[in-house]
Amino acid sequence: MLNFEDIQKEIKGLIRKQLVNGKILLQDCKLIDENARRSHAYSDPLYVPFYYHLGKFIKPKNVFSLSFNLGLLEKCFFMSCQETEFFLGFHQFDRNVYFSPRMGIYNIRRSYKADFDFFEGNIKDDSFHVKASSTKWNAIFINEECNYDTALYLLETGWNLLDENGFLIIDYAIDLKAVKQAFHGFADSVGRKPFIFETRYGTGILCK
């Protein structure tokens, strides 16, 4: 079993050194708005580089994204993690918002060449749980600006889908109060130590 306290120290040191930024890691990605490449978030060495560094230390065989969009964070993770054999992306359906997975799939494929599947639907439907439960996941990513109830539901859903010793990784764990409260409350409820990384929006990790 990995000693995540040691991993946390290593990653924090790499983030502080700011050896790489998002501009470098995402240079081959497609974006909805190309002007985003000039944004602070895009180039911030404390944002997407965290996922690149994380991939050096955890080597999940099966990875599930509960909030798949453009695939930028996952793409950076796969740049340093070459051991993943299956990646599944899920996007919550919203009839009021147009969504196409084409850009996200393109971006993922810049660094990930193994088995990949995507589906869109309602996370509360039986069809979601049938699909998501078909595999035990070693790492699950949550990257969504949401309210407390939604964040807690995503955490609970992800936790139940994780394999033993798997990792639940959630963004906005510092910057967004609702997500922060849900994350810490959920960590208490399952008796796990929350690991917090001071990334651009704050990234939290729970080890099952």
N, C-alpha and C. Protein backbone atom coordinates (compact mmCIF):
# COMPACT_ATOMS: atom_id res chain seq x y z
N MET A 1 0.83 -1.20 0.00
CA MET A 1 0.00 0.00 0.00
C MET A 1 0.87 1.25 0.00
N LEU A 2 0.49 2.25 -0.78
CA LEU A 2 1.27 3.48 -0.88
C LEU A 2 1.17 4.28 0.40
N ASN A 3 2.30 4.90 0.78
CA ASN A 3 2.30 5.83 1.91
C ASN A 3 1.96 7.20 1.36
N PHE A 4 0.69 7.59 1.51
CA PHE A 4 0.26 8.81 0.85
C PHE A 4 0.77 10.07 1.53
N GLU A 5 1.15 9.97 2.79
CA GLU A 5 1.74 11.13 3.45
C GLU A 5 3.08 11.48 2.81
N ASP A 6 3.86 10.47 2.46
CA ASP A 6 5.13 10.72 1.76
C ASP A 6 4.88 11.26 0.36
N ILE A 7 3.89 10.69 -0.31
CA ILE A 7 3.55 11.17 -1.65
C ILE A 7 3.12 12.63 -1.60
N GLN A 8 2.32 12.98 -0.59
CA GLN A 8 1.86 14.37 -0.44
C GLN A 8 3.04 15.32 -0.32
N LYS A 9 4.03 14.95 0.47
CA LYS A 9 5.22 15.81 0.64
C LYS A 9 5.97 15.96 -0.67
N GLU A 10 6.12 14.86 -1.39
CA GLU A 10 6.84 14.90 -2.67
C GLU A 10 6.14 15.81 -3.67
N ILE A 11 4.83 15.65 -3.79
CA ILE A 11 4.08 16.45 -4.76
C ILE A 11 4.08 17.93 -4.37
N LYS A 12 3.93 18.22 -3.10
CA LYS A 12 3.98 19.62 -2.66
C LYS A 12 5.30 20.26 -3.02
N GLY A 13 6.39 19.50 -2.87
CA GLY A 13 7.70 20.02 -3.24
C GLY A 13 7.82 20.30 -4.72
N LEU A 14 7.29 19.41 -5.55
CA LEU A 14 7.33 19.59 -7.00
C LEU A 14 6.49 20.79 -7.43
N ILE A 15 5.32 20.96 -6.80
CA ILE A 15 4.45 22.09 -7.13
C ILE A 15 5.14 23.42 -6.79
N ARG A 16 5.78 23.46 -5.64
CA ARG A 16 6.47 24.69 -5.21
C ARG A 16 7.59 25.08 -6.16
N LYS A 17 8.26 24.10 -6.73
CA LYS A 17 9.37 24.38 -7.65
C LYS A 17 8.89 25.00 -8.96
N GLN A 18 7.61 24.76 -9.32
CA GLN A 18 7.01 25.32 -10.53
C GLN A 18 7.87 25.06 -11.78
N LEU A 19 8.24 23.80 -11.96
CA LEU A 19 9.09 23.41 -13.07
C LEU A 19 8.34 23.36 -14.40
N VAL A 20 7.02 23.24 -14.32
CA VAL A 20 6.22 23.13 -15.54
C VAL A 20 4.90 23.86 -15.32
N ASN A 21 4.33 24.39 -16.40
CA ASN A 21 3.04 25.07 -16.26
C ASN A 21 2.03 24.51 -17.26
N GLY A 22 0.79 24.98 -17.12
CA GLY A 22 -0.27 24.48 -17.99
C GLY A 22 -0.05 24.79 -19.46
N LYS A 23 0.60 25.88 -19.72
CA LYS A 23 0.85 26.28 -21.11
C LYS A 23 1.65 25.21 -21.85
N ILE A 24 2.60 24.62 -21.16
CA ILE A 24 3.43 23.57 -21.75
C ILE A 24 2.65 22.26 -21.85
N LEU A 25 1.98 21.90 -20.76
CA LEU A 25 1.29 20.61 -20.71
C LEU A 25 0.09 20.54 -21.65
N LEU A 26 -0.54 21.68 -21.90
CA LEU A 26 -1.77 21.69 -22.69
C LEU A 26 -1.59 22.25 -24.10
N GLN A 27 -0.36 22.39 -24.54
CA GLN A 27 -0.10 23.02 -25.83
C GLN A 27 -0.70 22.28 -27.02
N ASP A 28 -0.93 20.96 -26.86
CA ASP A 28 -1.48 20.18 -27.98
C ASP A 28 -2.97 19.91 -27.81
N CYS A 29 -3.62 20.61 -26.89
CA CYS A 29 -5.05 20.39 -26.63
C CYS A 29 -5.93 21.33 -27.44
N LYS A 30 -7.17 20.91 -27.62
CA LYS A 30 -8.17 21.76 -28.24
C LYS A 30 -9.04 22.38 -27.15
N LEU A 31 -9.38 23.66 -27.34
CA LEU A 31 -10.22 24.38 -26.39
C LEU A 31 -11.42 24.96 -27.10
N ILE A 32 -12.50 25.17 -26.36
CA ILE A 32 -13.69 25.78 -26.95
C ILE A 32 -13.41 27.20 -27.39
N ASP A 33 -12.66 27.92 -26.57
CA ASP A 33 -12.28 29.30 -26.87
C ASP A 33 -10.77 29.41 -26.80
N GLU A 34 -10.12 29.65 -27.93
CA GLU A 34 -8.66 29.71 -27.97
C GLU A 34 -8.10 30.87 -27.14
N ASN A 35 -8.93 31.86 -26.84
CA ASN A 35 -8.46 32.95 -25.98
C ASN A 35 -8.15 32.46 -24.57
N ALA A 36 -8.69 31.29 -24.21
CA ALA A 36 -8.44 30.73 -22.89
C ALA A 36 -6.96 30.43 -22.66
N ARG A 37 -6.22 30.26 -23.76
CA ARG A 37 -4.79 29.98 -23.62
C ARG A 37 -4.04 31.15 -22.99
N ARG A 38 -4.65 32.33 -23.02
CA ARG A 38 -4.00 33.50 -22.42
C ARG A 38 -4.49 33.77 -20.99
N SER A 39 -5.35 32.89 -20.49
CA SER A 39 -5.90 33.10 -19.15
C SER A 39 -4.89 32.68 -18.09
N HIS A 40 -5.07 33.20 -16.89
CA HIS A 40 -4.18 32.85 -15.77
C HIS A 40 -4.35 31.39 -15.39
N ALA A 41 -5.58 30.89 -15.41
CA ALA A 41 -5.82 29.50 -15.03
C ALA A 41 -5.10 28.53 -15.96
N TYR A 42 -5.08 28.86 -17.24
CA TYR A 42 -4.48 27.98 -18.23
C TYR A 42 -2.98 27.80 -17.99
N SER A 43 -2.30 28.89 -17.67
CA SER A 43 -0.85 28.84 -17.53
C SER A 43 -0.37 28.65 -16.09
N ASP A 44 -1.30 28.68 -15.13
CA ASP A 44 -0.95 28.63 -13.72
C ASP A 44 -0.16 27.35 -13.38
N PRO A 45 1.07 27.48 -12.86
CA PRO A 45 1.86 26.30 -12.48
C PRO A 45 1.30 25.56 -11.27
N LEU A 46 0.27 26.14 -10.63
CA LEU A 46 -0.34 25.49 -9.47
C LEU A 46 -1.65 24.79 -9.82
N TYR A 47 -1.98 24.74 -11.11
CA TYR A 47 -3.26 24.13 -11.50
C TYR A 47 -3.06 22.77 -12.15
N VAL A 48 -3.08 22.71 -13.47
CA VAL A 48 -3.00 21.39 -14.13
C VAL A 48 -1.70 20.64 -13.87
N PRO A 49 -0.56 21.32 -13.58
CA PRO A 49 0.65 20.55 -13.29
C PRO A 49 0.51 19.59 -12.10
N PHE A 50 -0.39 19.91 -11.18
CA PHE A 50 -0.60 18.99 -10.06
C PHE A 50 -0.96 17.60 -10.56
N TYR A 51 -1.84 17.52 -11.55
CA TYR A 51 -2.30 16.23 -12.06
C TYR A 51 -1.17 15.51 -12.80
N TYR A 52 -0.33 16.27 -13.45
CA TYR A 52 0.85 15.69 -14.09
C TYR A 52 1.77 15.07 -13.04
N HIS A 53 2.03 15.78 -11.96
CA HIS A 53 2.88 15.26 -10.89
C HIS A 53 2.23 14.07 -10.18
N LEU A 54 0.90 14.13 -9.99
CA LEU A 54 0.20 13.04 -9.31
C LEU A 54 0.39 11.72 -10.06
N GLY A 55 0.39 11.80 -11.38
CA GLY A 55 0.54 10.59 -12.19
C GLY A 55 1.90 9.92 -12.06
N LYS A 56 2.86 10.61 -11.45
CA LYS A 56 4.17 10.01 -11.22
C LYS A 56 4.16 9.07 -10.03
N PHE A 57 3.14 9.23 -9.16
CA PHE A 57 3.15 8.51 -7.89
C PHE A 57 2.04 7.47 -7.75
N ILE A 58 0.88 7.71 -8.31
CA ILE A 58 -0.18 6.70 -8.25
C ILE A 58 -0.36 6.12 -9.65
N LYS A 59 -0.57 4.82 -9.71
CA LYS A 59 -0.60 4.11 -10.99
C LYS A 59 -1.88 3.28 -11.12
N PRO A 60 -3.03 3.94 -11.20
CA PRO A 60 -4.30 3.21 -11.25
C PRO A 60 -4.48 2.45 -12.56
N LYS A 61 -4.97 1.24 -12.45
CA LYS A 61 -5.25 0.43 -13.63
C LYS A 61 -6.52 0.91 -14.33
N ASN A 62 -7.53 1.27 -13.52
CA ASN A 62 -8.81 1.73 -14.05
C ASN A 62 -9.12 3.12 -13.48
N VAL A 63 -9.42 4.07 -14.37
CA VAL A 63 -9.67 5.46 -13.97
C VAL A 63 -11.04 5.90 -14.49
N PHE A 64 -11.79 6.59 -13.62
CA PHE A 64 -13.14 7.04 -13.95
C PHE A 64 -13.23 8.54 -13.67
N SER A 65 -13.68 9.30 -14.65
CA SER A 65 -13.93 10.73 -14.45
C SER A 65 -15.44 10.93 -14.32
N LEU A 66 -15.87 11.42 -13.15
CA LEU A 66 -17.30 11.63 -12.92
C LEU A 66 -17.79 12.96 -13.48
N SER A 67 -16.88 13.76 -14.01
CA SER A 67 -17.26 15.07 -14.54
C SER A 67 -16.44 15.38 -15.79
N PHE A 68 -16.53 14.49 -16.76
CA PHE A 68 -15.73 14.61 -17.97
C PHE A 68 -16.24 15.76 -18.85
N ASN A 69 -15.31 16.63 -19.25
CA ASN A 69 -15.67 17.76 -20.10
C ASN A 69 -14.65 17.87 -21.23
N LEU A 70 -13.62 18.68 -21.04
CA LEU A 70 -12.56 18.80 -22.05
C LEU A 70 -11.40 17.85 -21.79
N GLY A 71 -11.42 17.17 -20.66
CA GLY A 71 -10.39 16.17 -20.39
C GLY A 71 -9.01 16.73 -20.12
N LEU A 72 -8.90 18.00 -19.77
CA LEU A 72 -7.58 18.63 -19.62
C LEU A 72 -6.80 18.10 -18.42
N LEU A 73 -7.47 17.98 -17.28
CA LEU A 73 -6.79 17.51 -16.09
C LEU A 73 -6.40 16.04 -16.23
N GLU A 74 -7.30 15.26 -16.78
CA GLU A 74 -7.02 13.84 -16.97
C GLU A 74 -5.90 13.64 -17.99
N LYS A 75 -5.90 14.47 -19.02
CA LYS A 75 -4.85 14.38 -20.03
C LYS A 75 -3.47 14.59 -19.40
N CYS A 76 -3.38 15.57 -18.51
CA CYS A 76 -2.10 15.84 -17.84
C CYS A 76 -1.71 14.68 -16.94
N PHE A 77 -2.67 14.09 -16.28
CA PHE A 77 -2.39 12.93 -15.43
C PHE A 77 -1.80 11.79 -16.25
N PHE A 78 -2.38 11.53 -17.42
CA PHE A 78 -1.91 10.42 -18.24
C PHE A 78 -0.57 10.70 -18.92
N MET A 79 -0.14 11.93 -18.92
CA MET A 79 1.18 12.24 -19.48
C MET A 79 2.30 11.60 -18.66
N SER A 80 2.07 11.42 -17.35
CA SER A 80 3.09 10.82 -16.51
C SER A 80 2.71 9.43 -16.00
N CYS A 81 1.43 9.09 -16.10
CA CYS A 81 0.97 7.75 -15.69
C CYS A 81 0.67 6.93 -16.93
N GLN A 82 1.50 5.94 -17.18
CA GLN A 82 1.35 5.12 -18.38
C GLN A 82 0.78 3.73 -18.08
N GLU A 83 0.40 3.50 -16.83
CA GLU A 83 -0.04 2.16 -16.43
C GLU A 83 -1.54 1.93 -16.55
N THR A 84 -2.32 2.98 -16.75
CA THR A 84 -3.77 2.84 -16.83
C THR A 84 -4.18 2.05 -18.08
N GLU A 85 -5.07 1.09 -17.88
CA GLU A 85 -5.51 0.23 -18.97
C GLU A 85 -6.92 0.57 -19.45
N PHE A 86 -7.71 1.23 -18.58
CA PHE A 86 -9.08 1.57 -18.97
C PHE A 86 -9.48 2.90 -18.34
N PHE A 87 -9.99 3.79 -19.17
CA PHE A 87 -10.47 5.09 -18.70
C PHE A 87 -11.92 5.27 -19.15
N LEU A 88 -12.77 5.67 -18.21
CA LEU A 88 -14.18 5.91 -18.50
C LEU A 88 -14.52 7.34 -18.13
N GLY A 89 -15.11 8.07 -19.06
CA GLY A 89 -15.54 9.44 -18.81
C GLY A 89 -17.06 9.53 -18.78
N PHE A 90 -17.59 10.24 -17.80
CA PHE A 90 -19.04 10.44 -17.68
C PHE A 90 -19.35 11.93 -17.68
N HIS A 91 -20.41 12.30 -18.42
CA HIS A 91 -20.88 13.68 -18.44
C HIS A 91 -22.35 13.72 -18.08
N GLN A 92 -22.69 14.56 -17.11
CA GLN A 92 -24.07 14.70 -16.68
C GLN A 92 -24.89 15.39 -17.76
N PHE A 93 -25.97 14.75 -18.20
CA PHE A 93 -26.80 15.32 -19.27
C PHE A 93 -27.58 16.53 -18.76
N ASP A 94 -27.60 17.57 -19.59
CA ASP A 94 -28.37 18.77 -19.30
C ASP A 94 -29.02 19.21 -20.61
N ARG A 95 -30.32 19.11 -20.68
CA ARG A 95 -31.03 19.42 -21.92
C ARG A 95 -30.88 20.88 -22.33
N ASN A 96 -30.47 21.74 -21.39
CA ASN A 96 -30.34 23.17 -21.69
C ASN A 96 -28.95 23.56 -22.14
N VAL A 97 -28.02 22.62 -22.13
CA VAL A 97 -26.63 22.91 -22.48
C VAL A 97 -26.15 21.92 -23.54
N TYR A 98 -25.66 22.46 -24.66
CA TYR A 98 -25.11 21.58 -25.70
C TYR A 98 -23.75 21.05 -25.26
N PHE A 99 -23.54 19.78 -25.44
CA PHE A 99 -22.24 19.18 -25.12
C PHE A 99 -21.88 18.13 -26.15
N SER A 100 -20.62 18.18 -26.59
CA SER A 100 -20.07 17.15 -27.46
C SER A 100 -18.77 16.67 -26.84
N PRO A 101 -18.54 15.36 -26.78
CA PRO A 101 -17.30 14.85 -26.19
C PRO A 101 -16.11 14.88 -27.12
N ARG A 102 -16.28 15.38 -28.34
CA ARG A 102 -15.23 15.26 -29.35
C ARG A 102 -13.91 15.91 -28.91
N MET A 103 -13.99 17.13 -28.37
CA MET A 103 -12.76 17.80 -27.95
C MET A 103 -12.11 17.07 -26.78
N GLY A 104 -12.93 16.64 -25.83
CA GLY A 104 -12.39 15.93 -24.68
C GLY A 104 -11.71 14.64 -25.08
N ILE A 105 -12.32 13.89 -25.97
CA ILE A 105 -11.72 12.65 -26.45
C ILE A 105 -10.41 12.93 -27.19
N TYR A 106 -10.43 13.96 -28.02
CA TYR A 106 -9.21 14.34 -28.73
C TYR A 106 -8.10 14.66 -27.74
N ASN A 107 -8.41 15.44 -26.71
CA ASN A 107 -7.40 15.85 -25.74
C ASN A 107 -6.85 14.66 -24.96
N ILE A 108 -7.73 13.77 -24.54
CA ILE A 108 -7.27 12.59 -23.81
C ILE A 108 -6.32 11.76 -24.66
N ARG A 109 -6.65 11.63 -25.93
CA ARG A 109 -5.85 10.80 -26.83
C ARG A 109 -4.47 11.38 -27.12
N ARG A 110 -4.21 12.62 -26.71
CA ARG A 110 -2.87 13.18 -26.88
C ARG A 110 -1.87 12.46 -25.99
N SER A 111 -2.34 11.88 -24.89
CA SER A 111 -1.40 11.24 -23.97
C SER A 111 -1.84 9.84 -23.52
N TYR A 112 -3.08 9.45 -23.85
CA TYR A 112 -3.59 8.16 -23.39
C TYR A 112 -4.03 7.33 -24.60
N LYS A 113 -3.44 6.14 -24.75
CA LYS A 113 -3.68 5.33 -25.94
C LYS A 113 -4.41 4.02 -25.65
N ALA A 114 -4.69 3.73 -24.39
CA ALA A 114 -5.32 2.45 -24.04
C ALA A 114 -6.84 2.52 -24.17
N ASP A 115 -7.53 1.57 -23.58
CA ASP A 115 -8.98 1.44 -23.72
C ASP A 115 -9.70 2.64 -23.10
N PHE A 116 -10.67 3.20 -23.85
CA PHE A 116 -11.33 4.44 -23.43
C PHE A 116 -12.81 4.37 -23.80
N ASP A 117 -13.67 4.74 -22.86
CA ASP A 117 -15.10 4.76 -23.13
C ASP A 117 -15.68 6.03 -22.54
N PHE A 118 -16.80 6.48 -23.10
CA PHE A 118 -17.47 7.68 -22.64
C PHE A 118 -18.98 7.45 -22.68
N PHE A 119 -19.68 8.01 -21.69
CA PHE A 119 -21.14 8.00 -21.78
C PHE A 119 -21.71 9.22 -21.10
N GLU A 120 -22.90 9.60 -21.54
CA GLU A 120 -23.60 10.76 -21.01
C GLU A 120 -24.95 10.30 -20.49
N GLY A 121 -25.38 10.86 -19.38
CA GLY A 121 -26.66 10.47 -18.82
C GLY A 121 -26.94 11.18 -17.51
N ASN A 122 -27.77 10.57 -16.69
CA ASN A 122 -28.11 11.12 -15.39
C ASN A 122 -27.49 10.24 -14.31
N ILE A 123 -26.69 10.84 -13.45
CA ILE A 123 -25.96 10.08 -12.45
C ILE A 123 -26.89 9.35 -11.48
N LYS A 124 -28.15 9.78 -11.39
CA LYS A 124 -29.09 9.15 -10.46
C LYS A 124 -29.92 8.05 -11.12
N ASP A 125 -29.70 7.82 -12.42
CA ASP A 125 -30.44 6.77 -13.12
C ASP A 125 -29.81 5.40 -12.90
N ASP A 126 -30.62 4.37 -13.00
CA ASP A 126 -30.11 3.01 -12.85
C ASP A 126 -29.07 2.69 -13.92
N SER A 127 -29.26 3.23 -15.12
CA SER A 127 -28.34 2.94 -16.22
C SER A 127 -26.93 3.42 -15.91
N PHE A 128 -26.82 4.54 -15.18
CA PHE A 128 -25.50 5.02 -14.76
C PHE A 128 -24.83 4.00 -13.86
N HIS A 129 -25.55 3.53 -12.87
CA HIS A 129 -24.95 2.64 -11.88
C HIS A 129 -24.61 1.28 -12.49
N VAL A 130 -25.39 0.83 -13.46
CA VAL A 130 -25.05 -0.41 -14.16
C VAL A 130 -23.72 -0.25 -14.90
N LYS A 131 -23.58 0.87 -15.60
CA LYS A 131 -22.36 1.12 -16.37
C LYS A 131 -21.16 1.33 -15.44
N ALA A 132 -21.34 2.21 -14.44
CA ALA A 132 -20.24 2.57 -13.56
C ALA A 132 -19.80 1.42 -12.67
N SER A 133 -20.72 0.53 -12.34
CA SER A 133 -20.40 -0.58 -11.43
C SER A 133 -19.81 -1.78 -12.15
N SER A 134 -19.66 -1.68 -13.45
CA SER A 134 -19.12 -2.81 -14.21
C SER A 134 -17.64 -3.02 -13.95
N THR A 135 -17.00 -2.03 -13.34
CA THR A 135 -15.57 -2.09 -13.04
C THR A 135 -15.34 -1.53 -11.65
N LYS A 136 -14.35 -2.05 -10.94
CA LYS A 136 -13.91 -1.44 -9.69
C LYS A 136 -12.79 -0.46 -10.01
N TRP A 137 -12.96 0.77 -9.61
CA TRP A 137 -12.07 1.85 -10.03
C TRP A 137 -10.95 2.09 -9.02
N ASN A 138 -9.75 2.28 -9.55
CA ASN A 138 -8.60 2.57 -8.69
C ASN A 138 -8.41 4.06 -8.45
N ALA A 139 -8.97 4.89 -9.32
CA ALA A 139 -8.93 6.34 -9.14
C ALA A 139 -10.16 6.95 -9.79
N ILE A 140 -10.78 7.89 -9.08
CA ILE A 140 -11.95 8.58 -9.59
C ILE A 140 -11.73 10.08 -9.45
N PHE A 141 -11.94 10.81 -10.56
CA PHE A 141 -11.76 12.26 -10.60
C PHE A 141 -13.11 12.97 -10.56
N ILE A 142 -13.18 14.02 -9.74
CA ILE A 142 -14.35 14.90 -9.68
C ILE A 142 -13.85 16.32 -9.85
N ASN A 143 -14.31 16.99 -10.89
CA ASN A 143 -13.88 18.36 -11.16
C ASN A 143 -15.10 19.16 -11.59
N GLU A 144 -15.80 19.66 -10.59
CA GLU A 144 -17.06 20.34 -10.89
C GLU A 144 -17.36 21.42 -9.85
N GLU A 145 -17.72 22.60 -10.33
CA GLU A 145 -18.18 23.66 -9.43
C GLU A 145 -19.65 23.38 -9.13
N CYS A 146 -19.93 23.04 -7.88
CA CYS A 146 -21.30 22.62 -7.56
C CYS A 146 -21.65 22.99 -6.12
N ASN A 147 -22.91 22.79 -5.77
CA ASN A 147 -23.35 23.09 -4.41
C ASN A 147 -23.01 21.93 -3.47
N TYR A 148 -23.31 22.11 -2.21
CA TYR A 148 -22.95 21.13 -1.18
C TYR A 148 -23.58 19.77 -1.45
N ASP A 149 -24.87 19.75 -1.74
CA ASP A 149 -25.58 18.49 -1.93
C ASP A 149 -25.02 17.71 -3.12
N THR A 150 -24.74 18.42 -4.21
CA THR A 150 -24.20 17.75 -5.40
C THR A 150 -22.80 17.22 -5.13
N ALA A 151 -21.97 18.03 -4.47
CA ALA A 151 -20.61 17.59 -4.14
C ALA A 151 -20.64 16.35 -3.26
N LEU A 152 -21.51 16.36 -2.26
CA LEU A 152 -21.61 15.22 -1.35
C LEU A 152 -22.09 13.97 -2.09
N TYR A 153 -23.04 14.14 -2.99
CA TYR A 153 -23.54 13.01 -3.75
C TYR A 153 -22.46 12.42 -4.66
N LEU A 154 -21.69 13.29 -5.29
CA LEU A 154 -20.59 12.83 -6.14
C LEU A 154 -19.55 12.08 -5.32
N LEU A 155 -19.23 12.60 -4.14
CA LEU A 155 -18.25 11.94 -3.27
C LEU A 155 -18.76 10.57 -2.83
N GLU A 156 -20.00 10.50 -2.41
CA GLU A 156 -20.58 9.23 -1.98
C GLU A 156 -20.62 8.22 -3.12
N THR A 157 -21.04 8.69 -4.29
CA THR A 157 -21.10 7.81 -5.46
C THR A 157 -19.72 7.29 -5.82
N GLY A 158 -18.75 8.20 -5.89
CA GLY A 158 -17.39 7.81 -6.23
C GLY A 158 -16.80 6.84 -5.22
N TRP A 159 -17.02 7.11 -3.95
CA TRP A 159 -16.47 6.26 -2.89
C TRP A 159 -16.99 4.83 -3.01
N ASN A 160 -18.27 4.69 -3.28
CA ASN A 160 -18.87 3.37 -3.38
C ASN A 160 -18.38 2.59 -4.61
N LEU A 161 -17.88 3.31 -5.60
CA LEU A 161 -17.39 2.67 -6.81
C LEU A 161 -15.90 2.33 -6.75
N LEU A 162 -15.20 2.88 -5.74
CA LEU A 162 -13.76 2.68 -5.63
C LEU A 162 -13.40 1.28 -5.18
N ASP A 163 -12.31 0.77 -5.75
CA ASP A 163 -11.74 -0.48 -5.28
C ASP A 163 -10.99 -0.23 -3.98
N GLU A 164 -10.63 -1.29 -3.28
CA GLU A 164 -9.84 -1.16 -2.07
C GLU A 164 -8.51 -0.47 -2.39
N ASN A 165 -8.12 0.49 -1.56
CA ASN A 165 -6.90 1.28 -1.73
C ASN A 165 -6.99 2.25 -2.92
N GLY A 166 -8.19 2.50 -3.42
CA GLY A 166 -8.36 3.46 -4.51
C GLY A 166 -8.31 4.90 -4.02
N PHE A 167 -8.29 5.84 -4.99
CA PHE A 167 -8.16 7.26 -4.68
C PHE A 167 -9.35 8.05 -5.23
N LEU A 168 -9.90 8.90 -4.39
CA LEU A 168 -10.96 9.82 -4.79
C LEU A 168 -10.34 11.21 -4.83
N ILE A 169 -10.35 11.84 -6.01
CA ILE A 169 -9.63 13.10 -6.23
C ILE A 169 -10.62 14.17 -6.64
N ILE A 170 -10.71 15.25 -5.85
CA ILE A 170 -11.73 16.28 -6.11
C ILE A 170 -11.10 17.66 -6.16
N ASP A 171 -11.47 18.45 -7.16
CA ASP A 171 -10.99 19.81 -7.28
C ASP A 171 -11.94 20.77 -6.56
N TYR A 172 -11.51 22.02 -6.39
CA TYR A 172 -12.27 23.08 -5.69
C TYR A 172 -12.43 22.79 -4.20
N ALA A 173 -11.52 22.00 -3.63
CA ALA A 173 -11.64 21.60 -2.23
C ALA A 173 -11.20 22.68 -1.25
N ILE A 174 -10.67 23.80 -1.75
CA ILE A 174 -10.34 24.95 -0.91
C ILE A 174 -11.13 26.17 -1.35
N ASP A 175 -11.13 26.43 -2.63
CA ASP A 175 -11.67 27.68 -3.18
C ASP A 175 -13.19 27.77 -3.07
N LEU A 176 -13.89 26.66 -3.20
CA LEU A 176 -15.35 26.66 -3.21
C LEU A 176 -15.85 26.12 -1.86
N LYS A 177 -16.48 26.99 -1.09
CA LYS A 177 -16.88 26.65 0.28
C LYS A 177 -17.75 25.41 0.34
N ALA A 178 -18.72 25.30 -0.57
CA ALA A 178 -19.63 24.15 -0.55
C ALA A 178 -18.90 22.84 -0.77
N VAL A 179 -17.96 22.82 -1.72
CA VAL A 179 -17.18 21.61 -2.00
C VAL A 179 -16.26 21.30 -0.82
N LYS A 180 -15.65 22.32 -0.27
CA LYS A 180 -14.75 22.14 0.87
C LYS A 180 -15.49 21.52 2.05
N GLN A 181 -16.67 22.04 2.37
CA GLN A 181 -17.44 21.50 3.49
C GLN A 181 -17.89 20.07 3.23
N ALA A 182 -18.33 19.81 2.00
CA ALA A 182 -18.76 18.45 1.65
C ALA A 182 -17.60 17.47 1.74
N PHE A 183 -16.44 17.89 1.26
CA PHE A 183 -15.26 17.01 1.26
C PHE A 183 -14.83 16.65 2.68
N HIS A 184 -14.71 17.65 3.53
CA HIS A 184 -14.27 17.37 4.90
C HIS A 184 -15.34 16.60 5.68
N GLY A 185 -16.59 16.94 5.46
CA GLY A 185 -17.66 16.22 6.14
C GLY A 185 -17.70 14.76 5.72
N PHE A 186 -17.52 14.52 4.43
CA PHE A 186 -17.53 13.15 3.94
C PHE A 186 -16.32 12.38 4.47
N ALA A 187 -15.15 13.02 4.50
CA ALA A 187 -13.95 12.36 5.03
C ALA A 187 -14.18 11.91 6.47
N ASP A 188 -14.81 12.76 7.25
CA ASP A 188 -15.13 12.40 8.64
C ASP A 188 -16.09 11.21 8.70
N SER A 189 -17.06 11.21 7.81
CA SER A 189 -18.09 10.16 7.86
C SER A 189 -17.53 8.79 7.51
N VAL A 190 -16.48 8.73 6.69
CA VAL A 190 -15.90 7.44 6.31
C VAL A 190 -14.61 7.15 7.09
N GLY A 191 -14.25 8.06 8.00
CA GLY A 191 -13.09 7.83 8.85
C GLY A 191 -11.77 7.83 8.12
N ARG A 192 -11.64 8.72 7.12
CA ARG A 192 -10.39 8.81 6.37
C ARG A 192 -9.78 10.21 6.50
N LYS A 193 -8.46 10.25 6.51
CA LYS A 193 -7.76 11.52 6.59
C LYS A 193 -7.82 12.22 5.24
N PRO A 194 -8.30 13.47 5.20
CA PRO A 194 -8.32 14.20 3.92
C PRO A 194 -6.95 14.81 3.62
N PHE A 195 -6.45 14.56 2.45
CA PHE A 195 -5.19 15.16 2.02
C PHE A 195 -5.52 16.36 1.13
N ILE A 196 -5.00 17.52 1.50
CA ILE A 196 -5.30 18.75 0.79
C ILE A 196 -4.04 19.30 0.13
N PHE A 197 -4.16 19.68 -1.13
CA PHE A 197 -3.06 20.26 -1.88
C PHE A 197 -3.43 21.69 -2.27
N GLU A 198 -2.51 22.60 -2.03
CA GLU A 198 -2.77 24.01 -2.32
C GLU A 198 -2.52 24.30 -3.80
N THR A 199 -3.40 23.79 -4.62
CA THR A 199 -3.38 24.06 -6.05
C THR A 199 -4.19 25.33 -6.31
N ARG A 200 -4.45 25.65 -7.54
CA ARG A 200 -5.16 26.90 -7.86
C ARG A 200 -6.50 27.00 -7.13
N TYR A 201 -7.28 25.93 -7.15
CA TYR A 201 -8.58 25.93 -6.49
C TYR A 201 -8.61 25.00 -5.27
N GLY A 202 -7.51 24.33 -5.03
CA GLY A 202 -7.45 23.38 -3.94
C GLY A 202 -7.89 22.00 -4.38
N THR A 203 -7.04 21.01 -4.23
CA THR A 203 -7.37 19.65 -4.62
C THR A 203 -7.33 18.75 -3.39
N GLY A 204 -8.39 17.98 -3.21
CA GLY A 204 -8.47 17.06 -2.08
C GLY A 204 -8.44 15.62 -2.55
N ILE A 205 -7.80 14.76 -1.75
CA ILE A 205 -7.71 13.34 -2.08
C ILE A 205 -8.05 12.52 -0.84
N LEU A 206 -8.88 11.50 -1.05
CA LEU A 206 -9.17 10.52 -0.02
C LEU A 206 -8.69 9.16 -0.50
N CYS A 207 -8.02 8.44 0.38
CA CYS A 207 -7.55 7.09 0.07
C CYS A 207 -8.48 6.08 0.74
N LYS A 208 -9.03 5.17 -0.01
CA LYS A 208 -9.99 4.22 0.56
C LYS A 208 -9.28 3.14 1.39
